[in-house]
């Protein structure tokens, strides 16, 4: 076994343990495991390391650019209440720099890589691909934000909105920042199934938790996104076989 495969095996194994450990207690007891404050940032870090480890060298600069741009957007959002609205991170995700958890760079990288890889095989033209990617990122936040800002206590909004207390312009901001990121990084990437699997596992994680906490709309959106991805994948496989 090569060093790279061995490292990937260790990363994936640890990630799966944390995934099951994060979902399991909340599915069966309705609350997170006690004394596991380290688990959330480690979970996000491992997800990012898996994506980095499996990404081709020609795409690494783009991947790191996504991480940097996403983190910069978070800093601007926290310090100036711009882009997403007025919000503040709690102490749940550590360590932090400029008021933003460092693992948010990994989170942006993982989700953007997932979306880019998911849409890669569709071969959408130019700006249609960029808009589709931005819309999918905003839809992902419809699933993630209600849990992250409430039950998981990752951040808190300083103003309220109609969608689980989240202001509408947060999702507009997510779409706009994602448009900028995907617009700047438009070159075609090498296929990386691992990035799709990790991103899909994050979506499944939050979808399951949404239903656990009876956030039925968020859970339904997550289920719909996964169903759309399944339908697209089956159609692509059928097309490739014919």
C-alpha atoms as a PDB file:
ATOM      1  CA  UNK A   1       0.000   0.000   0.000  1.00  0.00           C
ATOM      2  CA  UNK A   2       1.397   3.397  -1.008  1.00  0.00           C
ATOM      3  CA  UNK A   3       1.836   6.208   1.500  1.00  0.00           C
ATOM      4  CA  UNK A   4      -0.942   8.199  -0.178  1.00  0.00           C
ATOM      5  CA  UNK A   5      -3.398   5.296  -0.063  1.00  0.00           C
ATOM      6  CA  UNK A   6      -2.472   4.567   3.524  1.00  0.00           C
ATOM      7  CA  UNK A   7      -3.017   8.194   4.500  1.00  0.00           C
ATOM      8  CA  UNK A   8      -6.352   8.242   2.678  1.00  0.00           C
ATOM      9  CA  UNK A   9      -7.440   5.050   4.438  1.00  0.00           C
ATOM     10  CA  UNK A  10      -6.647   6.570   7.849  1.00  0.00           C
ATOM     11  CA  UNK A  11      -8.412   9.843   7.004  1.00  0.00           C
ATOM     12  CA  UNK A  12     -11.535   8.139   5.672  1.00  0.00           C
ATOM     13  CA  UNK A  13     -11.704   5.730   8.625  1.00  0.00           C
ATOM     14  CA  UNK A  14     -11.447   8.575  11.149  1.00  0.00           C
ATOM     15  CA  UNK A  15     -13.986  10.610   9.185  1.00  0.00           C
ATOM     16  CA  UNK A  16     -16.499   7.751   9.160  1.00  0.00           C
ATOM     17  CA  UNK A  17     -16.084   7.234  12.906  1.00  0.00           C
ATOM     18  CA  UNK A  18     -16.830  10.904  13.556  1.00  0.00           C
ATOM     19  CA  UNK A  19     -19.701  10.882  11.046  1.00  0.00           C
ATOM     20  CA  UNK A  20     -21.399   7.962  12.800  1.00  0.00           C
ATOM     21  CA  UNK A  21     -20.531   9.384  16.223  1.00  0.00           C
ATOM     22  CA  UNK A  22     -22.006  12.728  15.263  1.00  0.00           C
ATOM     23  CA  UNK A  23     -25.250  11.414  13.802  1.00  0.00           C
ATOM     24  CA  UNK A  24     -25.845   8.402  16.047  1.00  0.00           C
ATOM     25  CA  UNK A  25     -26.316  10.015  19.494  1.00  0.00           C
ATOM     26  CA  UNK A  26     -28.538  12.739  18.062  1.00  0.00           C
ATOM     27  CA  UNK A  27     -30.677  10.308  16.082  1.00  0.00           C
ATOM     28  CA  UNK A  28     -31.340   8.120  19.118  1.00  0.00           C
ATOM     29  CA  UNK A  29     -31.276  10.616  21.986  1.00  0.00           C
ATOM     30  CA  UNK A  30     -32.081  13.904  20.274  1.00  0.00           C
ATOM     31  CA  UNK A  31     -28.937  15.600  21.591  1.00  0.00           C
ATOM     32  CA  UNK A  32     -25.214  15.688  20.873  1.00  0.00           C
ATOM     33  CA  UNK A  33     -22.776  13.563  22.839  1.00  0.00           C
ATOM     34  CA  UNK A  34     -21.420  15.254  25.970  1.00  0.00           C
ATOM     35  CA  UNK A  35     -17.846  16.561  25.986  1.00  0.00           C
ATOM     36  CA  UNK A  36     -17.406  16.284  22.228  1.00  0.00           C
ATOM     37  CA  UNK A  37     -16.678  19.917  21.413  1.00  0.00           C
ATOM     38  CA  UNK A  38     -13.536  18.869  19.545  1.00  0.00           C
ATOM     39  CA  UNK A  39     -15.509  16.596  17.188  1.00  0.00           C
ATOM     40  CA  UNK A  40     -17.118  19.231  14.927  1.00  0.00           C
ATOM     41  CA  UNK A  41     -13.911  21.053  13.898  1.00  0.00           C
ATOM     42  CA  UNK A  42     -12.086  17.727  13.539  1.00  0.00           C
ATOM     43  CA  UNK A  43     -14.909  16.413  11.346  1.00  0.00           C
ATOM     44  CA  UNK A  44     -14.655  19.429   9.029  1.00  0.00           C
ATOM     45  CA  UNK A  45     -10.858  19.267   8.999  1.00  0.00           C
ATOM     46  CA  UNK A  46     -10.850  15.576   8.038  1.00  0.00           C
ATOM     47  CA  UNK A  47     -13.360  16.246   5.253  1.00  0.00           C
ATOM     48  CA  UNK A  48     -11.054  18.926   3.858  1.00  0.00           C
ATOM     49  CA  UNK A  49      -7.967  16.714   4.118  1.00  0.00           C
ATOM     50  CA  UNK A  50      -9.703  13.911   2.220  1.00  0.00           C
ATOM     51  CA  UNK A  51     -10.619  16.299  -0.592  1.00  0.00           C
ATOM     52  CA  UNK A  52      -7.089  17.754  -0.674  1.00  0.00           C
ATOM     53  CA  UNK A  53      -5.457  14.322  -0.658  1.00  0.00           C
ATOM     54  CA  UNK A  54      -7.532  13.077  -3.596  1.00  0.00           C
ATOM     55  CA  UNK A  55      -7.405  16.217  -5.737  1.00  0.00           C
ATOM     56  CA  UNK A  56      -5.092  16.263  -8.750  1.00  0.00           C
ATOM     57  CA  UNK A  57      -2.090  18.569  -8.584  1.00  0.00           C
ATOM     58  CA  UNK A  58      -3.430  20.733 -11.431  1.00  0.00           C
ATOM     59  CA  UNK A  59      -6.552  21.563  -9.378  1.00  0.00           C
ATOM     60  CA  UNK A  60      -4.920  22.179  -5.994  1.00  0.00           C
ATOM     61  CA  UNK A  61      -4.403  25.909  -6.575  1.00  0.00           C
ATOM     62  CA  UNK A  62      -8.085  26.322  -7.405  1.00  0.00           C
ATOM     63  CA  UNK A  63      -9.085  24.312  -4.351  1.00  0.00           C
ATOM     64  CA  UNK A  64      -6.909  26.417  -2.036  1.00  0.00           C
ATOM     65  CA  UNK A  65      -8.226  29.584  -3.695  1.00  0.00           C
ATOM     66  CA  UNK A  66     -11.770  28.473  -2.812  1.00  0.00           C
ATOM     67  CA  UNK A  67     -10.714  27.957   0.801  1.00  0.00           C
ATOM     68  CA  UNK A  68      -9.121  31.403   0.921  1.00  0.00           C
ATOM     69  CA  UNK A  69     -12.002  33.209  -0.760  1.00  0.00           C
ATOM     70  CA  UNK A  70     -14.581  31.478   1.426  1.00  0.00           C
ATOM     71  CA  UNK A  71     -12.692  32.328   4.598  1.00  0.00           C
ATOM     72  CA  UNK A  72     -12.227  35.942   3.484  1.00  0.00           C
ATOM     73  CA  UNK A  73     -15.974  36.225   2.843  1.00  0.00           C
ATOM     74  CA  UNK A  74     -16.631  34.947   6.378  1.00  0.00           C
ATOM     75  CA  UNK A  75     -14.240  37.507   7.875  1.00  0.00           C
ATOM     76  CA  UNK A  76     -15.931  40.322   5.958  1.00  0.00           C
ATOM     77  CA  UNK A  77     -19.330  38.994   7.035  1.00  0.00           C
ATOM     78  CA  UNK A  78     -18.426  38.789  10.718  1.00  0.00           C
ATOM     79  CA  UNK A  79     -16.507  42.047  11.009  1.00  0.00           C
ATOM     80  CA  UNK A  80     -18.681  44.259   8.798  1.00  0.00           C
ATOM     81  CA  UNK A  81     -22.112  42.490   8.775  1.00  0.00           C
ATOM     82  CA  UNK A  82     -21.802  42.531   5.001  1.00  0.00           C
ATOM     83  CA  UNK A  83     -22.522  39.813   2.415  1.00  0.00           C
ATOM     84  CA  UNK A  84     -24.544  37.510   4.694  1.00  0.00           C
ATOM     85  CA  UNK A  85     -25.950  39.796   7.370  1.00  0.00           C
ATOM     86  CA  UNK A  86     -25.091  40.381  11.021  1.00  0.00           C
ATOM     87  CA  UNK A  87     -23.887  37.203  12.732  1.00  0.00           C
ATOM     88  CA  UNK A  88     -21.193  36.045  15.145  1.00  0.00           C
ATOM     89  CA  UNK A  89     -19.457  32.724  15.656  1.00  0.00           C
ATOM     90  CA  UNK A  90     -19.741  31.113  19.069  1.00  0.00           C
ATOM     91  CA  UNK A  91     -16.856  29.302  20.767  1.00  0.00           C
ATOM     92  CA  UNK A  92     -17.999  25.899  19.474  1.00  0.00           C
ATOM     93  CA  UNK A  93     -15.615  25.759  16.515  1.00  0.00           C
ATOM     94  CA  UNK A  94     -12.013  26.376  17.523  1.00  0.00           C
ATOM     95  CA  UNK A  95      -9.407  27.700  16.835  1.00  0.00           C
ATOM     96  CA  UNK A  96     -10.507  31.040  15.412  1.00  0.00           C
ATOM     97  CA  UNK A  97      -8.777  33.900  13.624  1.00  0.00           C
ATOM     98  CA  UNK A  98     -10.339  37.327  13.069  1.00  0.00           C
ATOM     99  CA  UNK A  99     -13.520  36.000  14.659  1.00  0.00           C
ATOM    100  CA  UNK A 100     -13.897  33.103  12.189  1.00  0.00           C
ATOM    101  CA  UNK A 101     -13.128  29.406  12.877  1.00  0.00           C
ATOM    102  CA  UNK A 102     -10.210  28.258  10.735  1.00  0.00           C
ATOM    103  CA  UNK A 103     -12.125  25.130   9.700  1.00  0.00           C
ATOM    104  CA  UNK A 104     -14.595  27.318   7.795  1.00  0.00           C
ATOM    105  CA  UNK A 105     -11.940  27.456   5.064  1.00  0.00           C
ATOM    106  CA  UNK A 106     -12.169  23.665   4.929  1.00  0.00           C
ATOM    107  CA  UNK A 107     -15.983  23.783   4.918  1.00  0.00           C
ATOM    108  CA  UNK A 108     -16.100  26.138   1.926  1.00  0.00           C
ATOM    109  CA  UNK A 109     -13.509  24.046   0.113  1.00  0.00           C
ATOM    110  CA  UNK A 110     -15.357  20.763   0.717  1.00  0.00           C
ATOM    111  CA  UNK A 111     -18.784  21.999  -0.333  1.00  0.00           C
ATOM    112  CA  UNK A 112     -17.557  23.949  -3.374  1.00  0.00           C
ATOM    113  CA  UNK A 113     -15.459  20.971  -4.540  1.00  0.00           C
ATOM    114  CA  UNK A 114     -18.499  18.727  -4.094  1.00  0.00           C
ATOM    115  CA  UNK A 115     -20.691  21.009  -6.208  1.00  0.00           C
ATOM    116  CA  UNK A 116     -18.037  21.444  -8.885  1.00  0.00           C
ATOM    117  CA  UNK A 117     -17.480  17.690  -9.148  1.00  0.00           C
ATOM    118  CA  UNK A 118     -21.207  16.956  -9.132  1.00  0.00           C
ATOM    119  CA  UNK A 119     -21.831  19.319 -12.048  1.00  0.00           C
ATOM    120  CA  UNK A 120     -18.652  18.314 -13.894  1.00  0.00           C
ATOM    121  CA  UNK A 121     -20.193  15.416 -15.796  1.00  0.00           C
ATOM    122  CA  UNK A 122     -23.166  17.507 -16.927  1.00  0.00           C
ATOM    123  CA  UNK A 123     -20.819  19.586 -19.083  1.00  0.00           C
ATOM    124  CA  UNK A 124     -22.920  22.720 -18.723  1.00  0.00           C
ATOM    125  CA  UNK A 125     -21.749  25.646 -20.863  1.00  0.00           C
ATOM    126  CA  UNK A 126     -19.979  28.699 -19.449  1.00  0.00           C
ATOM    127  CA  UNK A 127     -21.975  30.869 -17.087  1.00  0.00           C
ATOM    128  CA  UNK A 128     -24.850  28.368 -16.922  1.00  0.00           C
ATOM    129  CA  UNK A 129     -22.507  26.102 -14.961  1.00  0.00           C
ATOM    130  CA  UNK A 130     -21.504  29.002 -12.711  1.00  0.00           C
ATOM    131  CA  UNK A 131     -25.117  29.962 -11.958  1.00  0.00           C
ATOM    132  CA  UNK A 132     -26.090  26.308 -11.373  1.00  0.00           C
ATOM    133  CA  UNK A 133     -23.187  25.900  -8.942  1.00  0.00           C
ATOM    134  CA  UNK A 134     -24.118  29.081  -7.070  1.00  0.00           C
ATOM    135  CA  UNK A 135     -27.750  27.985  -6.816  1.00  0.00           C
ATOM    136  CA  UNK A 136     -26.748  24.549  -5.503  1.00  0.00           C
ATOM    137  CA  UNK A 137     -24.497  26.130  -2.865  1.00  0.00           C
ATOM    138  CA  UNK A 138     -27.362  28.383  -1.709  1.00  0.00           C
ATOM    139  CA  UNK A 139     -29.654  25.343  -1.554  1.00  0.00           C
ATOM    140  CA  UNK A 140     -27.082  23.513   0.583  1.00  0.00           C
ATOM    141  CA  UNK A 141     -27.113  26.410   3.032  1.00  0.00           C
ATOM    142  CA  UNK A 142     -30.885  26.064   3.334  1.00  0.00           C
ATOM    143  CA  UNK A 143     -30.158  22.657   4.876  1.00  0.00           C
ATOM    144  CA  UNK A 144     -27.032  23.493   6.894  1.00  0.00           C
ATOM    145  CA  UNK A 145     -27.728  26.939   8.363  1.00  0.00           C
ATOM    146  CA  UNK A 146     -30.878  26.122  10.405  1.00  0.00           C
ATOM    147  CA  UNK A 147     -28.944  23.487  12.374  1.00  0.00           C
ATOM    148  CA  UNK A 148     -25.617  25.297  12.538  1.00  0.00           C
ATOM    149  CA  UNK A 149     -27.189  28.514  13.839  1.00  0.00           C
ATOM    150  CA  UNK A 150     -29.511  26.821  16.322  1.00  0.00           C
ATOM    151  CA  UNK A 151     -29.118  23.259  17.602  1.00  0.00           C
ATOM    152  CA  UNK A 152     -25.395  22.930  16.807  1.00  0.00           C
ATOM    153  CA  UNK A 153     -24.600  26.458  18.058  1.00  0.00           C
ATOM    154  CA  UNK A 154     -21.833  27.157  15.518  1.00  0.00           C
ATOM    155  CA  UNK A 155     -22.925  30.766  15.024  1.00  0.00           C
ATOM    156  CA  UNK A 156     -25.720  33.141  16.030  1.00  0.00           C
ATOM    157  CA  UNK A 157     -27.654  35.650  13.961  1.00  0.00           C
ATOM    158  CA  UNK A 158     -27.984  39.176  15.301  1.00  0.00           C
ATOM    159  CA  UNK A 159     -31.181  39.641  13.313  1.00  0.00           C
ATOM    160  CA  UNK A 160     -34.041  37.282  12.614  1.00  0.00           C
ATOM    161  CA  UNK A 161     -35.725  36.075   9.462  1.00  0.00           C
ATOM    162  CA  UNK A 162     -38.668  33.948   8.402  1.00  0.00           C
ATOM    163  CA  UNK A 163     -36.641  30.802   7.604  1.00  0.00           C
ATOM    164  CA  UNK A 164     -35.793  29.244  10.988  1.00  0.00           C
ATOM    165  CA  UNK A 165     -34.811  32.704  12.202  1.00  0.00           C
ATOM    166  CA  UNK A 166     -32.289  33.215   9.383  1.00  0.00           C
ATOM    167  CA  UNK A 167     -32.434  36.457   7.358  1.00  0.00           C
ATOM    168  CA  UNK A 168     -33.210  36.030   3.662  1.00  0.00           C
ATOM    169  CA  UNK A 169     -30.219  38.043   2.512  1.00  0.00           C
ATOM    170  CA  UNK A 170     -27.919  35.386   4.002  1.00  0.00           C
ATOM    171  CA  UNK A 171     -28.928  33.041   1.192  1.00  0.00           C
ATOM    172  CA  UNK A 172     -28.606  35.830  -1.364  1.00  0.00           C
ATOM    173  CA  UNK A 173     -25.101  36.396   0.010  1.00  0.00           C
ATOM    174  CA  UNK A 174     -24.257  32.696  -0.248  1.00  0.00           C
ATOM    175  CA  UNK A 175     -25.411  32.677  -3.852  1.00  0.00           C
ATOM    176  CA  UNK A 176     -23.474  35.849  -4.680  1.00  0.00           C
ATOM    177  CA  UNK A 177     -20.213  34.735  -3.040  1.00  0.00           C
ATOM    178  CA  UNK A 178     -20.530  31.330  -4.691  1.00  0.00           C
ATOM    179  CA  UNK A 179     -21.062  32.999  -8.072  1.00  0.00           C
ATOM    180  CA  UNK A 180     -17.850  34.958  -7.528  1.00  0.00           C
ATOM    181  CA  UNK A 181     -15.897  31.849  -6.510  1.00  0.00           C
ATOM    182  CA  UNK A 182     -17.116  29.654  -9.368  1.00  0.00           C
ATOM    183  CA  UNK A 183     -16.828  32.533 -11.812  1.00  0.00           C
ATOM    184  CA  UNK A 184     -13.167  33.040 -10.940  1.00  0.00           C
ATOM    185  CA  UNK A 185     -12.407  29.308 -10.980  1.00  0.00           C
ATOM    186  CA  UNK A 186     -14.088  28.267 -14.217  1.00  0.00           C
ATOM    187  CA  UNK A 187     -11.509  25.886 -15.671  1.00  0.00           C
ATOM    188  CA  UNK A 188     -12.536  22.258 -15.991  1.00  0.00           C
ATOM    189  CA  UNK A 189     -11.263  20.093 -13.122  1.00  0.00           C
ATOM    190  CA  UNK A 190     -10.147  16.487 -13.170  1.00  0.00           C
ATOM    191  CA  UNK A 191     -12.823  14.050 -11.957  1.00  0.00           C
ATOM    192  CA  UNK A 192     -12.569  13.314  -8.222  1.00  0.00           C
ATOM    193  CA  UNK A 193     -15.276  10.929  -6.924  1.00  0.00           C
ATOM    194  CA  UNK A 194     -13.994  11.353  -3.360  1.00  0.00           C
ATOM    195  CA  UNK A 195     -14.958  15.025  -3.374  1.00  0.00           C
ATOM    196  CA  UNK A 196     -18.489  14.043  -4.410  1.00  0.00           C
ATOM    197  CA  UNK A 197     -18.724  11.345  -1.741  1.00  0.00           C
ATOM    198  CA  UNK A 198     -17.497  13.604   1.061  1.00  0.00           C
ATOM    199  CA  UNK A 199     -19.779  16.475   0.065  1.00  0.00           C
ATOM    200  CA  UNK A 200     -22.732  14.128  -0.253  1.00  0.00           C
ATOM    201  CA  UNK A 201     -21.970  12.659   3.183  1.00  0.00           C
ATOM    202  CA  UNK A 202     -22.041  16.168   4.695  1.00  0.00           C
ATOM    203  CA  UNK A 203     -25.398  16.830   3.028  1.00  0.00           C
ATOM    204  CA  UNK A 204     -26.741  13.498   4.323  1.00  0.00           C
ATOM    205  CA  UNK A 205     -25.403  14.312   7.812  1.00  0.00           C
ATOM    206  CA  UNK A 206     -27.310  17.593   8.024  1.00  0.00           C
ATOM    207  CA  UNK A 207     -30.419  16.151   6.370  1.00  0.00           C
ATOM    208  CA  UNK A 208     -30.652  13.368   8.954  1.00  0.00           C
ATOM    209  CA  UNK A 209     -30.119  15.829  11.794  1.00  0.00           C
ATOM    210  CA  UNK A 210     -32.764  18.144  10.354  1.00  0.00           C
ATOM    211  CA  UNK A 211     -35.363  15.383  10.538  1.00  0.00           C
ATOM    212  CA  UNK A 212     -34.122  14.398  14.004  1.00  0.00           C
ATOM    213  CA  UNK A 213     -34.784  17.925  15.281  1.00  0.00           C
ATOM    214  CA  UNK A 214     -38.058  18.099  13.320  1.00  0.00           C
ATOM    215  CA  UNK A 215     -36.809  20.771  10.946  1.00  0.00           C
ATOM    216  CA  UNK A 216     -38.991  19.234   8.287  1.00  0.00           C
ATOM    217  CA  UNK A 217     -38.556  21.874   5.578  1.00  0.00           C
ATOM    218  CA  UNK A 218     -34.750  21.817   5.838  1.00  0.00           C
ATOM    219  CA  UNK A 219     -34.748  18.008   5.865  1.00  0.00           C
ATOM    220  CA  UNK A 220     -37.062  17.900   2.845  1.00  0.00           C
ATOM    221  CA  UNK A 221     -34.794  20.268   0.906  1.00  0.00           C
ATOM    222  CA  UNK A 222     -31.802  18.064   1.725  1.00  0.00           C
ATOM    223  CA  UNK A 223     -33.717  14.966   0.587  1.00  0.00           C
ATOM    224  CA  UNK A 224     -34.722  16.717  -2.643  1.00  0.00           C
ATOM    225  CA  UNK A 225     -31.130  17.707  -3.396  1.00  0.00           C
ATOM    226  CA  UNK A 226     -29.958  14.129  -2.911  1.00  0.00           C
ATOM    227  CA  UNK A 227     -32.813  12.826  -5.068  1.00  0.00           C
ATOM    228  CA  UNK A 228     -31.916  15.250  -7.868  1.00  0.00           C
ATOM    229  CA  UNK A 229     -28.295  14.131  -7.675  1.00  0.00           C
ATOM    230  CA  UNK A 230     -29.345  10.467  -7.807  1.00  0.00           C
ATOM    231  CA  UNK A 231     -31.572  11.044 -10.851  1.00  0.00           C
ATOM    232  CA  UNK A 232     -28.821  12.947 -12.666  1.00  0.00           C
ATOM    233  CA  UNK A 233     -26.275  10.230 -11.858  1.00  0.00           C
ATOM    234  CA  UNK A 234     -28.563   7.453 -13.117  1.00  0.00           C
ATOM    235  CA  UNK A 235     -29.274   9.338 -16.343  1.00  0.00           C
ATOM    236  CA  UNK A 236     -25.580   9.922 -16.932  1.00  0.00           C
ATOM    237  CA  UNK A 237     -24.782   6.257 -16.340  1.00  0.00           C
ATOM    238  CA  UNK A 238     -27.560   5.222 -18.709  1.00  0.00           C
ATOM    239  CA  UNK A 239     -26.264   7.638 -21.343  1.00  0.00           C
ATOM    240  CA  UNK A 240     -22.709   6.318 -21.000  1.00  0.00           C
ATOM    241  CA  UNK A 241     -23.923   2.712 -21.382  1.00  0.00           C
ATOM    242  CA  UNK A 242     -25.918   3.386 -24.537  1.00  0.00           C
END
